[in-house]
Amino acid sequence: MHEINKATAELQEEMAQRIALNPGGTRRIGNFGFIELEETWGDEATIINTARISTTNQRLRSGHEFSERDRALLYQLLRDQHGTPFETVYFRFRFIAPIFVLRQWVKHRVSSWNEFSMRYRKPLSVAYVPDAAARTVDGFAVLDEAAVAEYEALMAQLFAWYEQQYSAACDRIDLARETGELGPKKGGRDPYRGRVRELLRNVMPVAAYSDVYWTVNFRSLMNFFKLRRKQDAQYEIREYADAAFALFATRLPLLAETMQRVIDESAPAAADAAQKSSGNA
C-alpha cells in the first residue's frame, strides 16, 4: 500500500474515534468508506403532530406514545403521499465515499450538501478498490486479481505524481519569494499554492475518496432509499444506501418499518406500470 498524506491520516484517525464514540451510529464501507448518522431532528410524533395541526391541539411527545390509531395514520399519510408532514424530520449524515458514488448521490438535490474541497487541501490519497463482491456478476469475476493489482498501482501512481508536482511547485514559489520575484506571503490563503491545488486536482480519479456532510428531510431520504437500495442500483451506492437505512432504522424504527411497508406494497404496481409502458412503446 502506498504512503498516505497528512489529510488522509487525520481522517483515518477521526473515523476510528467516531466509531469508538458512536458505534451504533457508524459503519465502515469498502476499503476506506465510512458513514455516520450524526444528528436527527424530529421523530414519528413530529409527523403526526404536524398532520393534525388543523384537527387537534393534543400533541404526542414521542413515537413511544403511539396508539394503533396513530400508527394507522402514519401509514396512511405515507401511503397516500401526503408529503409535507414528512418534511419536518431531518437527518445529518457524514460519509466518506468515492467521487463516482458522490456524483450519483448529489443528484438527490432536495438536501444540503457540503463536500471536502481540493481547492483548500490536498486530496485524500486513497482510492476505492473493488472487492470480490463488487467485481462479480452472477458468480463471474469481471476483473481478475491481475487487473485489480494494476488498478491499485495506477491509483498509487496518480497520488504520487500529485505529491511530487505539488512539492515541486511549492519549492518554486518559495524560491521566487526568496529572490524577490514574488512578494512575501500575506495572511490567509496563499493564492499561488491555491492555484497549484486547483490545477493538480484535475488528475484525481473518480475512484478517489471525498468527505461530505449531507442534511436531508425524511421525504427526500425516502426517495433516496427507494432508488438507491434497488437491486439495479450500482453496487457501490447501494452499499452506502443500505448502511444509511440501517442507521436510520435504528434511530426511528417505526418510521423505517412504515416506509418499508409502503415501498414493498407499491413495488408490484410500479412493475405493472413499467410493463404496460414497455408494451405500448
C-alpha atoms as a PDB file:
ATOM      1  CA  MET A   1       0.000   0.000   0.000  1.00  0.00           C
ATOM      2  CA  HIS A   2       1.317   3.452  -0.877  1.00  0.00           C
ATOM      3  CA  GLU A   3       2.023   6.096   1.750  1.00  0.00           C
ATOM      4  CA  ILE A   4      -0.986   8.273   2.603  1.00  0.00           C
ATOM      5  CA  ASN A   5      -0.782  12.035   3.060  1.00  0.00           C
ATOM      6  CA  LYS A   6      -1.468  14.045   6.226  1.00  0.00           C
ATOM      7  CA  ALA A   7      -5.123  14.824   5.442  1.00  0.00           C
ATOM      8  CA  THR A   8      -5.847  11.143   4.858  1.00  0.00           C
ATOM      9  CA  ALA A   9      -4.041  10.032   8.019  1.00  0.00           C
ATOM     10  CA  GLU A  10      -6.000  12.586  10.069  1.00  0.00           C
ATOM     11  CA  LEU A  11      -9.278  11.423   8.573  1.00  0.00           C
ATOM     12  CA  GLN A  12      -8.415   7.787   9.219  1.00  0.00           C
ATOM     13  CA  GLU A  13      -7.804   8.644  12.867  1.00  0.00           C
ATOM     14  CA  GLU A  14     -11.037  10.616  13.075  1.00  0.00           C
ATOM     15  CA  MET A  15     -13.063   7.720  11.660  1.00  0.00           C
ATOM     16  CA  ALA A  16     -11.648   5.426  14.352  1.00  0.00           C
ATOM     17  CA  GLN A  17     -12.578   7.975  17.024  1.00  0.00           C
ATOM     18  CA  ARG A  18     -16.124   8.374  15.714  1.00  0.00           C
ATOM     19  CA  ILE A  19     -16.636   4.604  15.619  1.00  0.00           C
ATOM     20  CA  ALA A  20     -15.452   4.361  19.227  1.00  0.00           C
ATOM     21  CA  LEU A  21     -17.722   7.231  20.337  1.00  0.00           C
ATOM     22  CA  ASN A  22     -20.776   6.253  18.284  1.00  0.00           C
ATOM     23  CA  PRO A  23     -20.559   2.526  17.491  1.00  0.00           C
ATOM     24  CA  GLY A  24     -24.291   2.158  16.833  1.00  0.00           C
ATOM     25  CA  GLY A  25     -24.420   5.157  14.507  1.00  0.00           C
ATOM     26  CA  THR A  26     -21.440   4.430  12.256  1.00  0.00           C
ATOM     27  CA  ARG A  27     -20.472   1.940   9.550  1.00  0.00           C
ATOM     28  CA  ARG A  28     -17.310   1.217   7.576  1.00  0.00           C
ATOM     29  CA  ILE A  29     -17.829   0.505   3.867  1.00  0.00           C
ATOM     30  CA  GLY A  30     -15.275  -0.920   1.448  1.00  0.00           C
ATOM     31  CA  ASN A  31     -11.567  -0.289   1.856  1.00  0.00           C
ATOM     32  CA  PHE A  32     -11.816   3.296   3.156  1.00  0.00           C
ATOM     33  CA  GLY A  33     -15.509   4.238   3.159  1.00  0.00           C
ATOM     34  CA  PHE A  34     -17.439   5.433   6.190  1.00  0.00           C
ATOM     35  CA  ILE A  35     -20.894   6.716   7.103  1.00  0.00           C
ATOM     36  CA  GLU A  36     -22.316   8.180  10.304  1.00  0.00           C
ATOM     37  CA  LEU A  37     -25.780   9.375  11.206  1.00  0.00           C
ATOM     38  CA  GLU A  38     -24.699  12.284  13.394  1.00  0.00           C
ATOM     39  CA  GLU A  39     -27.955  14.036  14.227  1.00  0.00           C
ATOM     40  CA  THR A  40     -31.710  13.758  13.781  1.00  0.00           C
ATOM     41  CA  TRP A  41     -34.333  16.435  14.360  1.00  0.00           C
ATOM     42  CA  GLY A  42     -37.903  15.319  14.967  1.00  0.00           C
ATOM     43  CA  ASP A  43     -39.435  11.849  15.008  1.00  0.00           C
ATOM     44  CA  GLU A  44     -42.667   9.999  14.199  1.00  0.00           C
ATOM     45  CA  ALA A  45     -44.582  12.176  16.676  1.00  0.00           C
ATOM     46  CA  THR A  46     -43.406  15.304  14.840  1.00  0.00           C
ATOM     47  CA  ILE A  47     -45.001  13.974  11.663  1.00  0.00           C
ATOM     48  CA  ILE A  48     -48.310  13.125  13.316  1.00  0.00           C
ATOM     49  CA  ASN A  49     -48.483  16.428  15.224  1.00  0.00           C
ATOM     50  CA  THR A  50     -47.826  18.334  12.001  1.00  0.00           C
ATOM     51  CA  ALA A  51     -50.510  16.416  10.125  1.00  0.00           C
ATOM     52  CA  ARG A  52     -53.090  17.059  12.877  1.00  0.00           C
ATOM     53  CA  ILE A  53     -52.443  20.778  13.201  1.00  0.00           C
ATOM     54  CA  SER A  54     -55.949  21.607  11.964  1.00  0.00           C
ATOM     55  CA  THR A  55     -57.796  18.909  13.926  1.00  0.00           C
ATOM     56  CA  THR A  56     -56.469  18.873  17.493  1.00  0.00           C
ATOM     57  CA  ASN A  57     -54.266  20.706  19.983  1.00  0.00           C
ATOM     58  CA  GLN A  58     -53.265  17.492  21.744  1.00  0.00           C
ATOM     59  CA  ARG A  59     -49.680  16.671  20.878  1.00  0.00           C
ATOM     60  CA  LEU A  60     -47.731  13.439  21.118  1.00  0.00           C
ATOM     61  CA  ARG A  61     -44.326  13.766  22.755  1.00  0.00           C
ATOM     62  CA  SER A  62     -42.695  10.789  21.018  1.00  0.00           C
ATOM     63  CA  GLY A  63     -43.375   7.702  18.954  1.00  0.00           C
ATOM     64  CA  HIS A  64     -43.399   5.643  22.150  1.00  0.00           C
ATOM     65  CA  GLU A  65     -46.835   7.137  22.911  1.00  0.00           C
ATOM     66  CA  PHE A  66     -48.361   5.919  19.628  1.00  0.00           C
ATOM     67  CA  SER A  67     -51.695   4.141  19.690  1.00  0.00           C
ATOM     68  CA  GLU A  68     -52.831   1.840  16.874  1.00  0.00           C
ATOM     69  CA  ARG A  69     -54.771   4.825  15.517  1.00  0.00           C
ATOM     70  CA  ASP A  70     -51.565   6.885  15.390  1.00  0.00           C
ATOM     71  CA  ARG A  71     -49.711   4.077  13.642  1.00  0.00           C
ATOM     72  CA  ALA A  72     -52.516   3.748  11.114  1.00  0.00           C
ATOM     73  CA  LEU A  73     -52.426   7.477  10.404  1.00  0.00           C
ATOM     74  CA  LEU A  74     -48.655   7.406   9.886  1.00  0.00           C
ATOM     75  CA  TYR A  75     -49.065   4.591   7.361  1.00  0.00           C
ATOM     76  CA  GLN A  76     -51.985   6.293   5.606  1.00  0.00           C
ATOM     77  CA  LEU A  77     -50.131   9.585   5.265  1.00  0.00           C
ATOM     78  CA  LEU A  78     -47.105   7.885   3.748  1.00  0.00           C
ATOM     79  CA  ARG A  79     -49.100   5.536   1.518  1.00  0.00           C
ATOM     80  CA  ASP A  80     -51.240   8.369   0.122  1.00  0.00           C
ATOM     81  CA  GLN A  81     -48.203  10.630  -0.370  1.00  0.00           C
ATOM     82  CA  HIS A  82     -49.183  13.439   1.973  1.00  0.00           C
ATOM     83  CA  GLY A  83     -45.636  14.705   1.758  1.00  0.00           C
ATOM     84  CA  THR A  84     -45.275  17.891   3.797  1.00  0.00           C
ATOM     85  CA  PRO A  85     -45.537  16.357   7.310  1.00  0.00           C
ATOM     86  CA  PHE A  86     -42.596  14.128   6.397  1.00  0.00           C
ATOM     87  CA  GLU A  87     -40.502  17.183   5.530  1.00  0.00           C
ATOM     88  CA  THR A  88     -40.423  18.188   9.222  1.00  0.00           C
ATOM     89  CA  VAL A  89     -37.989  15.424  10.236  1.00  0.00           C
ATOM     90  CA  TYR A  90     -34.318  15.935   9.362  1.00  0.00           C
ATOM     91  CA  PHE A  91     -31.141  13.870   9.365  1.00  0.00           C
ATOM     92  CA  ARG A  92     -27.468  14.806   9.122  1.00  0.00           C
ATOM     93  CA  PHE A  93     -25.168  12.166   7.718  1.00  0.00           C
ATOM     94  CA  ARG A  94     -21.438  12.346   7.237  1.00  0.00           C
ATOM     95  CA  PHE A  95     -19.934   9.965   4.726  1.00  0.00           C
ATOM     96  CA  ILE A  96     -16.618   9.302   3.070  1.00  0.00           C
ATOM     97  CA  ALA A  97     -17.150   7.793  -0.362  1.00  0.00           C
ATOM     98  CA  PRO A  98     -15.577   7.559  -3.819  1.00  0.00           C
ATOM     99  CA  ILE A  99     -16.210  10.556  -6.043  1.00  0.00           C
ATOM    100  CA  PHE A 100     -18.136   8.454  -8.574  1.00  0.00           C
ATOM    101  CA  VAL A 101     -20.584   7.497  -5.808  1.00  0.00           C
ATOM    102  CA  LEU A 102     -20.973  11.157  -4.843  1.00  0.00           C
ATOM    103  CA  ARG A 103     -21.789  12.108  -8.433  1.00  0.00           C
ATOM    104  CA  GLN A 104     -24.816   9.806  -8.225  1.00  0.00           C
ATOM    105  CA  TRP A 105     -25.705  10.827  -4.681  1.00  0.00           C
ATOM    106  CA  VAL A 106     -25.681  14.591  -5.308  1.00  0.00           C
ATOM    107  CA  LYS A 107     -28.472  14.190  -7.873  1.00  0.00           C
ATOM    108  CA  HIS A 108     -30.824  13.930  -4.872  1.00  0.00           C
ATOM    109  CA  ARG A 109     -30.929  17.700  -4.789  1.00  0.00           C
ATOM    110  CA  VAL A 110     -33.570  18.426  -2.126  1.00  0.00           C
ATOM    111  CA  SER A 111     -30.958  18.451   0.620  1.00  0.00           C
ATOM    112  CA  SER A 112     -27.939  20.359   1.905  1.00  0.00           C
ATOM    113  CA  TRP A 113     -24.555  19.164   0.597  1.00  0.00           C
ATOM    114  CA  ASN A 114     -21.151  20.260   1.927  1.00  0.00           C
ATOM    115  CA  GLU A 115     -18.168  18.470   0.397  1.00  0.00           C
ATOM    116  CA  PHE A 116     -14.430  18.445   1.076  1.00  0.00           C
ATOM    117  CA  SER A 117     -12.737  20.810  -1.396  1.00  0.00           C
ATOM    118  CA  MET A 118      -9.411  20.083  -3.033  1.00  0.00           C
ATOM    119  CA  ARG A 119      -9.015  23.832  -3.603  1.00  0.00           C
ATOM    120  CA  TYR A 120      -8.058  24.285   0.046  1.00  0.00           C
ATOM    121  CA  ARG A 121      -6.383  20.993   0.969  1.00  0.00           C
ATOM    122  CA  LYS A 122      -4.574  18.248  -0.843  1.00  0.00           C
ATOM    123  CA  PRO A 123      -6.845  15.357  -1.893  1.00  0.00           C
ATOM    124  CA  LEU A 124      -7.446  12.268   0.188  1.00  0.00           C
ATOM    125  CA  SER A 125      -4.756   9.930  -1.084  1.00  0.00           C
ATOM    126  CA  VAL A 126      -6.818   6.733  -1.066  1.00  0.00           C
ATOM    127  CA  ALA A 127      -8.785   5.257  -3.962  1.00  0.00           C
ATOM    128  CA  TYR A 128     -11.688   2.835  -3.876  1.00  0.00           C
ATOM    129  CA  VAL A 129     -10.606  -0.735  -4.620  1.00  0.00           C
ATOM    130  CA  PRO A 130     -13.404  -3.124  -5.642  1.00  0.00           C
ATOM    131  CA  ASP A 131     -13.534  -6.243  -3.508  1.00  0.00           C
ATOM    132  CA  ALA A 132     -14.573  -9.682  -4.761  1.00  0.00           C
ATOM    133  CA  ALA A 133     -18.305  -8.960  -4.400  1.00  0.00           C
ATOM    134  CA  ALA A 134     -18.011  -5.646  -6.258  1.00  0.00           C
ATOM    135  CA  ARG A 135     -16.317  -7.175  -9.277  1.00  0.00           C
ATOM    136  CA  THR A 136     -18.509 -10.267  -9.534  1.00  0.00           C
ATOM    137  CA  VAL A 137     -21.687 -10.508 -11.620  1.00  0.00           C
ATOM    138  CA  ASP A 138     -23.779 -13.685 -11.345  1.00  0.00           C
ATOM    139  CA  GLY A 139     -20.768 -15.546  -9.999  1.00  0.00           C
ATOM    140  CA  PHE A 140     -18.423 -14.352 -12.763  1.00  0.00           C
ATOM    141  CA  ALA A 141     -15.450 -12.120 -11.887  1.00  0.00           C
ATOM    142  CA  VAL A 142     -15.397  -9.331 -14.477  1.00  0.00           C
ATOM    143  CA  LEU A 143     -11.967  -8.170 -13.227  1.00  0.00           C
ATOM    144  CA  ASP A 144      -9.332 -10.693 -12.192  1.00  0.00           C
ATOM    145  CA  GLU A 145      -6.686 -10.264  -9.498  1.00  0.00           C
ATOM    146  CA  ALA A 146      -4.088  -9.121 -12.017  1.00  0.00           C
ATOM    147  CA  ALA A 147      -6.358  -6.334 -13.264  1.00  0.00           C
ATOM    148  CA  VAL A 148      -7.093  -5.187  -9.714  1.00  0.00           C
ATOM    149  CA  ALA A 149      -3.365  -5.116  -8.921  1.00  0.00           C
ATOM    150  CA  GLU A 150      -2.738  -2.913 -11.978  1.00  0.00           C
ATOM    151  CA  TYR A 151      -5.683  -0.715 -10.977  1.00  0.00           C
ATOM    152  CA  GLU A 152      -4.220  -0.185  -7.498  1.00  0.00           C
ATOM    153  CA  ALA A 153      -0.777   0.550  -8.924  1.00  0.00           C
ATOM    154  CA  LEU A 154      -2.223   3.149 -11.295  1.00  0.00           C
ATOM    155  CA  MET A 155      -4.080   4.878  -8.447  1.00  0.00           C
ATOM    156  CA  ALA A 156      -0.909   4.945  -6.347  1.00  0.00           C
ATOM    157  CA  GLN A 157       0.995   6.403  -9.291  1.00  0.00           C
ATOM    158  CA  LEU A 158      -1.514   9.261  -9.643  1.00  0.00           C
ATOM    159  CA  PHE A 159      -1.340  10.132  -5.940  1.00  0.00           C
ATOM    160  CA  ALA A 160       2.468  10.029  -6.010  1.00  0.00           C
ATOM    161  CA  TRP A 161       2.543  12.263  -9.103  1.00  0.00           C
ATOM    162  CA  TYR A 162       0.312  14.803  -7.333  1.00  0.00           C
ATOM    163  CA  GLU A 163       2.577  14.889  -4.272  1.00  0.00           C
ATOM    164  CA  GLN A 164       5.706  15.276  -6.398  1.00  0.00           C
ATOM    165  CA  GLN A 165       4.266  18.071  -8.527  1.00  0.00           C
ATOM    166  CA  TYR A 166       2.761  19.921  -5.571  1.00  0.00           C
ATOM    167  CA  SER A 167       6.031  19.784  -3.656  1.00  0.00           C
ATOM    168  CA  ALA A 168       7.988  20.985  -6.726  1.00  0.00           C
ATOM    169  CA  ALA A 169       5.562  23.858  -7.346  1.00  0.00           C
ATOM    170  CA  CYS A 170       5.735  24.953  -3.696  1.00  0.00           C
ATOM    171  CA  ASP A 171       9.534  24.911  -3.865  1.00  0.00           C
ATOM    172  CA  ARG A 172       9.427  27.171  -6.944  1.00  0.00           C
ATOM    173  CA  ILE A 173       7.047  29.564  -5.177  1.00  0.00           C
ATOM    174  CA  ASP A 174       9.286  29.688  -2.078  1.00  0.00           C
ATOM    175  CA  LEU A 175      12.379  30.300  -4.215  1.00  0.00           C
ATOM    176  CA  ALA A 176      10.626  33.107  -6.117  1.00  0.00           C
ATOM    177  CA  ARG A 177       9.828  34.762  -2.787  1.00  0.00           C
ATOM    178  CA  GLU A 178      13.412  34.432  -1.610  1.00  0.00           C
ATOM    179  CA  THR A 179      14.736  36.057  -4.787  1.00  0.00           C
ATOM    180  CA  GLY A 180      12.142  38.829  -4.716  1.00  0.00           C
ATOM    181  CA  GLU A 181      10.358  37.683  -7.894  1.00  0.00           C
ATOM    182  CA  LEU A 182       7.235  37.291  -5.730  1.00  0.00           C
ATOM    183  CA  GLY A 183       6.282  39.388  -2.758  1.00  0.00           C
ATOM    184  CA  PRO A 184       6.212  37.936   0.753  1.00  0.00           C
ATOM    185  CA  LYS A 185       3.271  35.777   1.759  1.00  0.00           C
ATOM    186  CA  LYS A 186       0.460  37.720   3.382  1.00  0.00           C
ATOM    187  CA  GLY A 187      -2.086  36.414   5.848  1.00  0.00           C
ATOM    188  CA  GLY A 188      -4.745  33.958   4.761  1.00  0.00           C
ATOM    189  CA  ARG A 189      -4.752  31.579   1.834  1.00  0.00           C
ATOM    190  CA  ASP A 190      -1.662  31.616  -0.374  1.00  0.00           C
ATOM    191  CA  PRO A 191      -3.018  32.340  -3.898  1.00  0.00           C
ATOM    192  CA  TYR A 192      -0.025  30.675  -5.598  1.00  0.00           C
ATOM    193  CA  ARG A 193      -0.238  27.409  -3.715  1.00  0.00           C
ATOM    194  CA  GLY A 194      -4.007  27.598  -4.001  1.00  0.00           C
ATOM    195  CA  ARG A 195      -3.796  27.797  -7.777  1.00  0.00           C
ATOM    196  CA  VAL A 196      -1.455  24.792  -7.826  1.00  0.00           C
ATOM    197  CA  ARG A 197      -4.058  22.752  -5.926  1.00  0.00           C
ATOM    198  CA  GLU A 198      -6.819  23.933  -8.266  1.00  0.00           C
ATOM    199  CA  LEU A 199      -4.867  22.667 -11.279  1.00  0.00           C
ATOM    200  CA  LEU A 200      -3.436  19.453  -9.878  1.00  0.00           C
ATOM    201  CA  ARG A 201      -6.784  18.208  -8.603  1.00  0.00           C
ATOM    202  CA  ASN A 202      -7.808  17.760 -12.231  1.00  0.00           C
ATOM    203  CA  VAL A 203      -5.859  14.494 -12.429  1.00  0.00           C
ATOM    204  CA  MET A 204      -7.594  12.928  -9.438  1.00  0.00           C
ATOM    205  CA  PRO A 205      -9.603   9.838 -10.447  1.00  0.00           C
ATOM    206  CA  VAL A 206     -13.287   9.411  -9.648  1.00  0.00           C
ATOM    207  CA  ALA A 207     -12.187   6.428  -7.548  1.00  0.00           C
ATOM    208  CA  ALA A 208     -10.577   8.855  -5.064  1.00  0.00           C
ATOM    209  CA  TYR A 209     -12.461   9.349  -1.802  1.00  0.00           C
ATOM    210  CA  SER A 210     -14.111  12.567  -0.672  1.00  0.00           C
ATOM    211  CA  ASP A 211     -15.802  13.694   2.540  1.00  0.00           C
ATOM    212  CA  VAL A 212     -19.383  15.030   2.737  1.00  0.00           C
ATOM    213  CA  TYR A 213     -21.921  16.362   5.214  1.00  0.00           C
ATOM    214  CA  TRP A 214     -25.459  15.673   3.947  1.00  0.00           C
ATOM    215  CA  THR A 215     -28.552  17.117   5.647  1.00  0.00           C
ATOM    216  CA  VAL A 216     -31.868  15.843   4.329  1.00  0.00           C
ATOM    217  CA  ASN A 217     -35.521  15.655   5.326  1.00  0.00           C
ATOM    218  CA  PHE A 218     -37.307  12.317   5.532  1.00  0.00           C
ATOM    219  CA  ARG A 219     -39.339  12.816   2.351  1.00  0.00           C
ATOM    220  CA  SER A 220     -36.158  13.198   0.308  1.00  0.00           C
ATOM    221  CA  LEU A 221     -34.397  10.460   2.252  1.00  0.00           C
ATOM    222  CA  MET A 222     -37.192   8.014   1.420  1.00  0.00           C
ATOM    223  CA  ASN A 223     -36.798   8.804  -2.268  1.00  0.00           C
ATOM    224  CA  PHE A 224     -33.057   8.155  -1.942  1.00  0.00           C
ATOM    225  CA  PHE A 225     -33.732   4.786  -0.324  1.00  0.00           C
ATOM    226  CA  LYS A 226     -36.324   3.823  -2.954  1.00  0.00           C
ATOM    227  CA  LEU A 227     -33.919   4.479  -5.822  1.00  0.00           C
ATOM    228  CA  ARG A 228     -30.525   3.562  -4.407  1.00  0.00           C
ATOM    229  CA  ARG A 229     -31.417   0.388  -2.472  1.00  0.00           C
ATOM    230  CA  LYS A 230     -32.972  -1.306  -5.504  1.00  0.00           C
ATOM    231  CA  GLN A 231     -31.142  -4.299  -6.944  1.00  0.00           C
ATOM    232  CA  ASP A 232     -30.475  -2.480 -10.216  1.00  0.00           C
ATOM    233  CA  ALA A 233     -28.753   0.430  -8.420  1.00  0.00           C
ATOM    234  CA  GLN A 234     -24.967   0.453  -8.780  1.00  0.00           C
ATOM    235  CA  TYR A 235     -23.337  -1.829  -6.225  1.00  0.00           C
ATOM    236  CA  GLU A 236     -21.262   0.864  -4.510  1.00  0.00           C
ATOM    237  CA  ILE A 237     -24.003   3.420  -3.883  1.00  0.00           C
ATOM    238  CA  ARG A 238     -26.325   0.602  -2.844  1.00  0.00           C
ATOM    239  CA  GLU A 239     -23.816  -0.340  -0.148  1.00  0.00           C
ATOM    240  CA  TYR A 240     -23.968   3.207   1.223  1.00  0.00           C
ATOM    241  CA  ALA A 241     -27.765   3.403   0.922  1.00  0.00           C
ATOM    242  CA  ASP A 242     -28.181   0.111   2.795  1.00  0.00           C
ATOM    243  CA  ALA A 243     -25.846   1.338   5.543  1.00  0.00           C
ATOM    244  CA  ALA A 244     -27.699   4.664   5.776  1.00  0.00           C
ATOM    245  CA  PHE A 245     -31.006   2.796   6.020  1.00  0.00           C
ATOM    246  CA  ALA A 246     -29.698   0.570   8.820  1.00  0.00           C
ATOM    247  CA  LEU A 247     -28.587   3.626  10.811  1.00  0.00           C
ATOM    248  CA  PHE A 248     -31.905   5.395  10.166  1.00  0.00           C
ATOM    249  CA  ALA A 249     -33.920   2.287  11.156  1.00  0.00           C
ATOM    250  CA  THR A 250     -32.033   2.027  14.439  1.00  0.00           C
ATOM    251  CA  ARG A 251     -32.843   5.655  15.260  1.00  0.00           C
ATOM    252  CA  LEU A 252     -36.525   5.683  14.110  1.00  0.00           C
ATOM    253  CA  PRO A 253     -37.688   2.052  13.837  1.00  0.00           C
ATOM    254  CA  LEU A 254     -41.422   2.752  13.476  1.00  0.00           C
ATOM    255  CA  LEU A 255     -40.900   5.186  10.622  1.00  0.00           C
ATOM    256  CA  ALA A 256     -38.484   2.774   8.931  1.00  0.00           C
ATOM    257  CA  GLU A 257     -40.947  -0.105   9.248  1.00  0.00           C
ATOM    258  CA  THR A 258     -43.795   2.008   7.866  1.00  0.00           C
ATOM    259  CA  MET A 259     -41.685   3.276   4.983  1.00  0.00           C
ATOM    260  CA  GLN A 260     -40.578  -0.225   4.024  1.00  0.00           C
ATOM    261  CA  ARG A 261     -44.180  -1.442   4.087  1.00  0.00           C
ATOM    262  CA  VAL A 262     -45.271   1.342   1.732  1.00  0.00           C
ATOM    263  CA  ILE A 263     -42.329   0.719  -0.616  1.00  0.00           C
ATOM    264  CA  ASP A 264     -42.986  -3.031  -0.692  1.00  0.00           C
ATOM    265  CA  GLU A 265     -46.692  -2.533  -1.368  1.00  0.00           C
ATOM    266  CA  SER A 266     -46.030  -0.062  -4.169  1.00  0.00           C
ATOM    267  CA  ALA A 267     -43.465  -2.259  -5.939  1.00  0.00           C
ATOM    268  CA  PRO A 268     -45.942  -4.550  -7.814  1.00  0.00           C
ATOM    269  CA  ALA A 269     -47.949  -1.548  -9.058  1.00  0.00           C
ATOM    270  CA  ALA A 270     -44.786   0.160 -10.271  1.00  0.00           C
ATOM    271  CA  ALA A 271     -43.687  -3.029 -12.068  1.00  0.00           C
ATOM    272  CA  ASP A 272     -47.088  -3.369 -13.769  1.00  0.00           C
ATOM    273  CA  ALA A 273     -46.981   0.258 -14.901  1.00  0.00           C
ATOM    274  CA  ALA A 274     -43.484  -0.207 -16.334  1.00  0.00           C
ATOM    275  CA  GLN A 275     -44.551  -3.345 -18.168  1.00  0.00           C
ATOM    276  CA  LYS A 276     -47.590  -1.609 -19.688  1.00  0.00           C
ATOM    277  CA  SER A 277     -45.459   1.338 -20.718  1.00  0.00           C
ATOM    278  CA  SER A 278     -42.967  -1.027 -22.371  1.00  0.00           C
ATOM    279  CA  GLY A 279     -45.763  -2.819 -24.182  1.00  0.00           C
ATOM    280  CA  ASN A 280     -47.138   0.448 -25.559  1.00  0.00           C
ATOM    281  CA  ALA A 281     -43.759   1.616 -26.834  1.00  0.00           C
END
